[in-house]
Amino acid sequence: MTDLRENWDNLSHGPTFTEPNEDEKKAAREKLEAERKKQEEDKRKKEEKAKADAEEAKAKQEGESAQKTENAKEEDKKASERKGEDFHQQRQDRQNPTEEQSKPKDEDQRVKGDLPKENNSTDEKKQLQPRAWTTSPSPWESLSLCRAECERDASCFQYVYIEQPNSPKQCKLGKSFRLGKYLPPGKDGHVIWTSGWMVERIRKWTKEHACKGIEWPDIKAA
């Protein structure tokens, strides 16, 4: 059993893929171009938004950092003032000690200031990558693409590719398998009809569905 035969129609009447006419091709090209432009515009808007968000986050971080620095300076100033007051008070106490102040102190009293902690964490922003624009070839474009479409469909057993001058190209798939018939080539010898079969797939199906013998129904007389 051959898997390909020229000038032959194997009567595949399943899903059909037909070459579009010029108006349909033009409409398809315009649609693809419009979708491409839309993707580029969406990409541009996403990049602009990401840039604006990054600048806003940077400005916010710089503002928070400046505020923290200002707060730290204010705390240092207050601590210095407290130290000055303590030194002045201690000097007066040494000059005029009281009975309570004459007693040794168990622990040194220290002024502790809690400085603000610097936050160096930054938010990670995911850059949205637009999906790449691709177009898939159609089965009607060539015999190999027609066969590939049949191979892709597990229920396809055969196909026929039709390339007739001045007519749209066609790829037809068959969900069953048939032998078909001979059809002559064009006037210039151009092959119009080319049929192909999924030989291994057909053999597997026939093996799994082989007839095992006649099974007569059990009919009981009335």
C-alpha atoms as a PDB file:
ATOM      1  CA  MET A   1       0.000   0.000   0.000  1.00  0.00           C
ATOM      2  CA  THR A   2       1.447   3.350  -1.086  1.00  0.00           C
ATOM      3  CA  ASP A   3       1.150   6.500   1.022  1.00  0.00           C
ATOM      4  CA  LEU A   4       1.042   8.969  -1.914  1.00  0.00           C
ATOM      5  CA  ARG A   5      -0.381   8.911  -5.434  1.00  0.00           C
ATOM      6  CA  GLU A   6      -0.474  11.677  -8.047  1.00  0.00           C
ATOM      7  CA  ASN A   7      -3.387  12.240 -10.447  1.00  0.00           C
ATOM      8  CA  TRP A   8      -5.660  10.481  -7.979  1.00  0.00           C
ATOM      9  CA  ASP A   9      -8.707  11.459  -5.920  1.00  0.00           C
ATOM     10  CA  ASN A  10      -9.193   9.294  -2.844  1.00  0.00           C
ATOM     11  CA  LEU A  11     -12.584  10.916  -2.171  1.00  0.00           C
ATOM     12  CA  SER A  12     -11.638  12.696   1.040  1.00  0.00           C
ATOM     13  CA  HIS A  13     -14.737  14.620   2.067  1.00  0.00           C
ATOM     14  CA  GLY A  14     -13.860  15.718   5.593  1.00  0.00           C
ATOM     15  CA  PRO A  15     -12.570  19.113   6.787  1.00  0.00           C
ATOM     16  CA  THR A  16     -11.612  21.317   3.826  1.00  0.00           C
ATOM     17  CA  PHE A  17      -9.063  24.146   3.741  1.00  0.00           C
ATOM     18  CA  THR A  18      -9.455  26.478   0.760  1.00  0.00           C
ATOM     19  CA  GLU A  19      -7.185  29.260  -0.449  1.00  0.00           C
ATOM     20  CA  PRO A  20      -8.934  32.624   0.104  1.00  0.00           C
ATOM     21  CA  ASN A  21      -9.632  34.929  -2.828  1.00  0.00           C
ATOM     22  CA  GLU A  22      -7.927  38.307  -3.269  1.00  0.00           C
ATOM     23  CA  ASP A  23     -10.540  40.211  -1.265  1.00  0.00           C
ATOM     24  CA  GLU A  24     -10.258  37.725   1.589  1.00  0.00           C
ATOM     25  CA  LYS A  25      -6.459  37.884   1.477  1.00  0.00           C
ATOM     26  CA  LYS A  26      -6.580  41.690   1.591  1.00  0.00           C
ATOM     27  CA  ALA A  27      -8.971  41.611   4.538  1.00  0.00           C
ATOM     28  CA  ALA A  28      -6.737  39.096   6.321  1.00  0.00           C
ATOM     29  CA  ARG A  29      -3.630  41.249   5.734  1.00  0.00           C
ATOM     30  CA  GLU A  30      -5.443  44.325   7.026  1.00  0.00           C
ATOM     31  CA  LYS A  31      -6.579  42.416  10.107  1.00  0.00           C
ATOM     32  CA  LEU A  32      -3.043  41.187  10.796  1.00  0.00           C
ATOM     33  CA  GLU A  33      -1.661  44.702  10.363  1.00  0.00           C
ATOM     34  CA  ALA A  34      -4.295  46.163  12.705  1.00  0.00           C
ATOM     35  CA  GLU A  35      -3.537  43.533  15.347  1.00  0.00           C
ATOM     36  CA  ARG A  36       0.202  44.147  14.974  1.00  0.00           C
ATOM     37  CA  LYS A  37      -0.255  47.890  15.471  1.00  0.00           C
ATOM     38  CA  LYS A  38      -2.490  47.259  18.458  1.00  0.00           C
ATOM     39  CA  GLN A  39       0.172  45.040  20.044  1.00  0.00           C
ATOM     40  CA  GLU A  40       2.829  47.691  19.465  1.00  0.00           C
ATOM     41  CA  GLU A  41       0.561  50.362  20.977  1.00  0.00           C
ATOM     42  CA  ASP A  42      -0.193  48.154  24.000  1.00  0.00           C
ATOM     43  CA  LYS A  43       3.528  47.506  24.429  1.00  0.00           C
ATOM     44  CA  ARG A  44       4.294  51.235  24.268  1.00  0.00           C
ATOM     45  CA  LYS A  45       1.617  52.045  26.857  1.00  0.00           C
ATOM     46  CA  LYS A  46       2.898  49.327  29.197  1.00  0.00           C
ATOM     47  CA  GLU A  47       6.462  50.618  28.899  1.00  0.00           C
ATOM     48  CA  GLU A  48       5.334  54.202  29.573  1.00  0.00           C
ATOM     49  CA  LYS A  49       3.304  53.084  32.598  1.00  0.00           C
ATOM     50  CA  ALA A  50       6.220  51.026  33.942  1.00  0.00           C
ATOM     51  CA  LYS A  51       8.537  54.026  33.531  1.00  0.00           C
ATOM     52  CA  ALA A  52       6.070  56.355  35.271  1.00  0.00           C
ATOM     53  CA  ASP A  53       5.593  53.875  38.131  1.00  0.00           C
ATOM     54  CA  ALA A  54       9.363  53.546  38.536  1.00  0.00           C
ATOM     55  CA  GLU A  55       9.824  57.330  38.648  1.00  0.00           C
ATOM     56  CA  GLU A  56       6.980  57.668  41.156  1.00  0.00           C
ATOM     57  CA  ALA A  57       8.467  54.948  43.356  1.00  0.00           C
ATOM     58  CA  LYS A  58      11.906  56.582  43.174  1.00  0.00           C
ATOM     59  CA  ALA A  59      10.496  59.994  44.112  1.00  0.00           C
ATOM     60  CA  LYS A  60       8.574  58.460  46.993  1.00  0.00           C
ATOM     61  CA  GLN A  61      11.674  56.649  48.248  1.00  0.00           C
ATOM     62  CA  GLU A  62      13.763  59.826  48.016  1.00  0.00           C
ATOM     63  CA  GLY A  63      11.073  61.752  49.914  1.00  0.00           C
ATOM     64  CA  GLU A  64      10.932  59.127  52.645  1.00  0.00           C
ATOM     65  CA  SER A  65      14.731  59.085  52.874  1.00  0.00           C
ATOM     66  CA  ALA A  66      14.859  62.894  53.191  1.00  0.00           C
ATOM     67  CA  GLN A  67      12.177  62.796  55.888  1.00  0.00           C
ATOM     68  CA  LYS A  68      14.088  60.137  57.808  1.00  0.00           C
ATOM     69  CA  THR A  69      17.283  62.204  57.590  1.00  0.00           C
ATOM     70  CA  GLU A  70      15.420  65.261  58.884  1.00  0.00           C
ATOM     71  CA  ASN A  71      13.931  63.235  61.740  1.00  0.00           C
ATOM     72  CA  ALA A  72      17.371  61.881  62.635  1.00  0.00           C
ATOM     73  CA  LYS A  73      18.817  65.398  62.742  1.00  0.00           C
ATOM     74  CA  GLU A  74      15.969  66.515  64.984  1.00  0.00           C
ATOM     75  CA  GLU A  75      16.593  63.587  67.321  1.00  0.00           C
ATOM     76  CA  ASP A  76      20.314  64.389  67.444  1.00  0.00           C
ATOM     77  CA  LYS A  77      19.520  67.997  68.263  1.00  0.00           C
ATOM     78  CA  LYS A  78      17.199  66.986  71.096  1.00  0.00           C
ATOM     79  CA  ALA A  79      19.775  64.507  72.412  1.00  0.00           C
ATOM     80  CA  SER A  80      22.443  67.231  72.399  1.00  0.00           C
ATOM     81  CA  GLU A  81      20.128  69.572  74.282  1.00  0.00           C
ATOM     82  CA  ARG A  82      19.369  66.875  76.845  1.00  0.00           C
ATOM     83  CA  LYS A  83      23.083  66.198  77.316  1.00  0.00           C
ATOM     84  CA  GLY A  84      23.718  69.903  77.816  1.00  0.00           C
ATOM     85  CA  GLU A  85      20.969  70.143  80.415  1.00  0.00           C
ATOM     86  CA  ASP A  86      22.277  67.051  82.213  1.00  0.00           C
ATOM     87  CA  PHE A  87      25.820  68.428  82.244  1.00  0.00           C
ATOM     88  CA  HIS A  88      24.610  71.762  83.648  1.00  0.00           C
ATOM     89  CA  GLN A  89      22.529  69.995  86.314  1.00  0.00           C
ATOM     90  CA  GLN A  90      25.434  67.704  87.264  1.00  0.00           C
ATOM     91  CA  ARG A  91      27.711  70.730  87.641  1.00  0.00           C
ATOM     92  CA  GLN A  92      25.223  72.404  89.945  1.00  0.00           C
ATOM     93  CA  ASP A  93      24.856  69.202  91.920  1.00  0.00           C
ATOM     94  CA  ARG A  94      28.603  68.948  92.401  1.00  0.00           C
ATOM     95  CA  GLN A  95      28.719  72.496  93.657  1.00  0.00           C
ATOM     96  CA  ASN A  96      25.725  72.064  95.971  1.00  0.00           C
ATOM     97  CA  PRO A  97      25.404  68.353  96.747  1.00  0.00           C
ATOM     98  CA  THR A  98      22.401  67.151  98.696  1.00  0.00           C
ATOM     99  CA  GLU A  99      22.247  64.190 101.004  1.00  0.00           C
ATOM    100  CA  GLU A 100      20.559  62.068  98.378  1.00  0.00           C
ATOM    101  CA  GLN A 101      23.002  63.103  95.678  1.00  0.00           C
ATOM    102  CA  SER A 102      25.957  62.249  97.957  1.00  0.00           C
ATOM    103  CA  LYS A 103      25.009  58.597  97.907  1.00  0.00           C
ATOM    104  CA  PRO A 104      26.764  56.444  95.234  1.00  0.00           C
ATOM    105  CA  LYS A 105      24.570  55.489  92.400  1.00  0.00           C
ATOM    106  CA  ASP A 106      24.079  51.832  91.601  1.00  0.00           C
ATOM    107  CA  GLU A 107      23.780  52.322  87.873  1.00  0.00           C
ATOM    108  CA  ASP A 108      24.733  55.011  85.466  1.00  0.00           C
ATOM    109  CA  GLN A 109      21.758  56.695  83.952  1.00  0.00           C
ATOM    110  CA  ARG A 110      22.195  56.996  80.265  1.00  0.00           C
ATOM    111  CA  VAL A 111      19.996  58.641  77.736  1.00  0.00           C
ATOM    112  CA  LYS A 112      19.270  56.295  74.940  1.00  0.00           C
ATOM    113  CA  GLY A 113      17.848  57.519  71.700  1.00  0.00           C
ATOM    114  CA  ASP A 114      16.246  55.193  69.177  1.00  0.00           C
ATOM    115  CA  LEU A 115      17.397  56.184  65.763  1.00  0.00           C
ATOM    116  CA  PRO A 116      15.100  55.345  62.852  1.00  0.00           C
ATOM    117  CA  LYS A 117      16.114  52.330  60.828  1.00  0.00           C
ATOM    118  CA  GLU A 118      16.918  52.867  57.175  1.00  0.00           C
ATOM    119  CA  ASN A 119      14.695  50.892  54.841  1.00  0.00           C
ATOM    120  CA  ASN A 120      16.640  49.873  51.773  1.00  0.00           C
ATOM    121  CA  SER A 121      14.045  47.500  50.375  1.00  0.00           C
ATOM    122  CA  THR A 122      12.692  48.221  46.890  1.00  0.00           C
ATOM    123  CA  ASP A 123       9.686  46.808  45.114  1.00  0.00           C
ATOM    124  CA  GLU A 124      10.477  44.545  42.186  1.00  0.00           C
ATOM    125  CA  LYS A 125       8.408  45.405  39.152  1.00  0.00           C
ATOM    126  CA  LYS A 126       7.752  42.781  36.540  1.00  0.00           C
ATOM    127  CA  GLN A 127       8.132  44.018  33.004  1.00  0.00           C
ATOM    128  CA  LEU A 128       5.246  42.670  30.956  1.00  0.00           C
ATOM    129  CA  GLN A 129       6.589  41.155  27.791  1.00  0.00           C
ATOM    130  CA  PRO A 130       4.046  41.139  24.973  1.00  0.00           C
ATOM    131  CA  ARG A 131       3.561  37.854  23.274  1.00  0.00           C
ATOM    132  CA  ALA A 132       5.488  37.595  20.010  1.00  0.00           C
ATOM    133  CA  TRP A 133       3.334  37.959  16.870  1.00  0.00           C
ATOM    134  CA  THR A 134       3.379  34.805  14.741  1.00  0.00           C
ATOM    135  CA  THR A 135       1.299  33.524  11.856  1.00  0.00           C
ATOM    136  CA  SER A 136       0.815  29.824  11.129  1.00  0.00           C
ATOM    137  CA  PRO A 137       0.891  28.558   7.524  1.00  0.00           C
ATOM    138  CA  SER A 138      -2.372  27.166   6.166  1.00  0.00           C
ATOM    139  CA  PRO A 139      -2.830  23.571   4.935  1.00  0.00           C
ATOM    140  CA  TRP A 140      -3.908  24.748   1.473  1.00  0.00           C
ATOM    141  CA  GLU A 141      -0.505  26.349   0.809  1.00  0.00           C
ATOM    142  CA  SER A 142       1.346  23.126  -0.057  1.00  0.00           C
ATOM    143  CA  LEU A 143       1.077  19.345  -0.214  1.00  0.00           C
ATOM    144  CA  SER A 144       3.445  18.925   2.761  1.00  0.00           C
ATOM    145  CA  LEU A 145       1.354  21.281   4.908  1.00  0.00           C
ATOM    146  CA  CYS A 146      -1.795  19.400   3.923  1.00  0.00           C
ATOM    147  CA  ARG A 147      -0.209  16.128   5.019  1.00  0.00           C
ATOM    148  CA  ALA A 148       1.035  17.736   8.247  1.00  0.00           C
ATOM    149  CA  GLU A 149      -2.525  18.822   9.052  1.00  0.00           C
ATOM    150  CA  CYS A 150      -3.731  15.245   8.587  1.00  0.00           C
ATOM    151  CA  GLU A 151      -0.899  13.935  10.798  1.00  0.00           C
ATOM    152  CA  ARG A 152      -1.853  16.436  13.491  1.00  0.00           C
ATOM    153  CA  ASP A 153      -5.470  15.209  13.550  1.00  0.00           C
ATOM    154  CA  ALA A 154      -5.558  11.739  15.145  1.00  0.00           C
ATOM    155  CA  SER A 155      -8.882  10.966  13.431  1.00  0.00           C
ATOM    156  CA  CYS A 156      -7.545  11.696   9.928  1.00  0.00           C
ATOM    157  CA  PHE A 157      -6.728   8.667   7.731  1.00  0.00           C
ATOM    158  CA  GLN A 158      -6.192  10.305   4.355  1.00  0.00           C
ATOM    159  CA  TYR A 159      -6.000  13.619   2.497  1.00  0.00           C
ATOM    160  CA  VAL A 160      -6.114  15.037  -0.998  1.00  0.00           C
ATOM    161  CA  TYR A 161      -4.380  18.187  -2.249  1.00  0.00           C
ATOM    162  CA  ILE A 162      -5.936  19.993  -5.219  1.00  0.00           C
ATOM    163  CA  GLU A 163      -3.941  22.561  -7.215  1.00  0.00           C
ATOM    164  CA  GLN A 164      -5.943  23.522 -10.275  1.00  0.00           C
ATOM    165  CA  PRO A 165      -4.902  26.543 -12.420  1.00  0.00           C
ATOM    166  CA  ASN A 166      -7.082  29.662 -12.027  1.00  0.00           C
ATOM    167  CA  SER A 167      -8.834  28.096  -9.023  1.00  0.00           C
ATOM    168  CA  PRO A 168      -8.246  28.290  -5.269  1.00  0.00           C
ATOM    169  CA  LYS A 169      -5.949  25.606  -3.852  1.00  0.00           C
ATOM    170  CA  GLN A 170      -7.608  23.094  -1.539  1.00  0.00           C
ATOM    171  CA  CYS A 171      -6.646  20.580   1.118  1.00  0.00           C
ATOM    172  CA  LYS A 172      -9.268  18.001   2.078  1.00  0.00           C
ATOM    173  CA  LEU A 173      -8.997  15.545   4.950  1.00  0.00           C
ATOM    174  CA  GLY A 174     -10.707  12.168   5.262  1.00  0.00           C
ATOM    175  CA  LYS A 175     -11.956  10.647   8.519  1.00  0.00           C
ATOM    176  CA  SER A 176     -12.307   7.270   6.794  1.00  0.00           C
ATOM    177  CA  PHE A 177     -10.054   5.543   4.242  1.00  0.00           C
ATOM    178  CA  ARG A 178     -10.930   4.871   0.616  1.00  0.00           C
ATOM    179  CA  LEU A 179      -9.059   3.891  -2.518  1.00  0.00           C
ATOM    180  CA  GLY A 180     -10.633   6.482  -4.799  1.00  0.00           C
ATOM    181  CA  LYS A 181     -10.159   6.898  -8.531  1.00  0.00           C
ATOM    182  CA  TYR A 182      -7.775   8.162 -11.218  1.00  0.00           C
ATOM    183  CA  LEU A 183      -8.088  11.728 -12.473  1.00  0.00           C
ATOM    184  CA  PRO A 184      -6.034  13.006 -15.457  1.00  0.00           C
ATOM    185  CA  PRO A 185      -3.507  15.840 -15.093  1.00  0.00           C
ATOM    186  CA  GLY A 186      -3.919  19.280 -16.665  1.00  0.00           C
ATOM    187  CA  LYS A 187      -3.342  20.022 -20.340  1.00  0.00           C
ATOM    188  CA  ASP A 188       0.294  20.921 -19.720  1.00  0.00           C
ATOM    189  CA  GLY A 189       0.844  17.802 -17.602  1.00  0.00           C
ATOM    190  CA  HIS A 190       0.421  19.712 -14.370  1.00  0.00           C
ATOM    191  CA  VAL A 191      -0.619  17.464 -11.483  1.00  0.00           C
ATOM    192  CA  ILE A 192      -3.918  18.686 -10.124  1.00  0.00           C
ATOM    193  CA  TRP A 193      -4.963  15.931  -7.730  1.00  0.00           C
ATOM    194  CA  THR A 194      -2.546  14.333  -5.240  1.00  0.00           C
ATOM    195  CA  SER A 195      -3.848  11.872  -2.662  1.00  0.00           C
ATOM    196  CA  GLY A 196      -2.132  10.592   0.437  1.00  0.00           C
ATOM    197  CA  TRP A 197      -2.871   8.046   3.160  1.00  0.00           C
ATOM    198  CA  MET A 198      -1.708   7.590   6.768  1.00  0.00           C
ATOM    199  CA  VAL A 199      -0.620   3.996   6.116  1.00  0.00           C
ATOM    200  CA  GLU A 200       0.578   3.116   9.617  1.00  0.00           C
ATOM    201  CA  ARG A 201      -2.505   4.668  11.151  1.00  0.00           C
ATOM    202  CA  ILE A 202      -4.767   2.666   8.814  1.00  0.00           C
ATOM    203  CA  ARG A 203      -2.901  -0.569   9.566  1.00  0.00           C
ATOM    204  CA  LYS A 204      -3.196   0.004  13.285  1.00  0.00           C
ATOM    205  CA  TRP A 205      -6.935   0.689  13.019  1.00  0.00           C
ATOM    206  CA  THR A 206      -7.622  -2.393  10.892  1.00  0.00           C
ATOM    207  CA  LYS A 207      -5.626  -4.553  13.297  1.00  0.00           C
ATOM    208  CA  GLU A 208      -7.569  -3.274  16.292  1.00  0.00           C
ATOM    209  CA  HIS A 209     -10.905  -3.686  14.497  1.00  0.00           C
ATOM    210  CA  ALA A 210     -10.249  -6.958  12.650  1.00  0.00           C
ATOM    211  CA  CYS A 211     -13.183  -9.290  12.070  1.00  0.00           C
ATOM    212  CA  LYS A 212     -12.874 -12.343  14.327  1.00  0.00           C
ATOM    213  CA  GLY A 213     -15.645 -14.378  12.798  1.00  0.00           C
ATOM    214  CA  ILE A 214     -19.324 -14.287  12.141  1.00  0.00           C
ATOM    215  CA  GLU A 215     -21.519 -13.770  15.164  1.00  0.00           C
ATOM    216  CA  TRP A 216     -25.147 -14.634  14.421  1.00  0.00           C
ATOM    217  CA  PRO A 217     -27.768 -12.964  16.576  1.00  0.00           C
ATOM    218  CA  ASP A 218     -29.637 -15.241  18.941  1.00  0.00           C
ATOM    219  CA  ILE A 219     -33.195 -15.068  17.594  1.00  0.00           C
ATOM    220  CA  LYS A 220     -35.785 -17.063  19.415  1.00  0.00           C
ATOM    221  CA  ALA A 221     -38.907 -18.221  17.598  1.00  0.00           C
ATOM    222  CA  ALA A 222     -42.136 -16.785  18.891  1.00  0.00           C
END
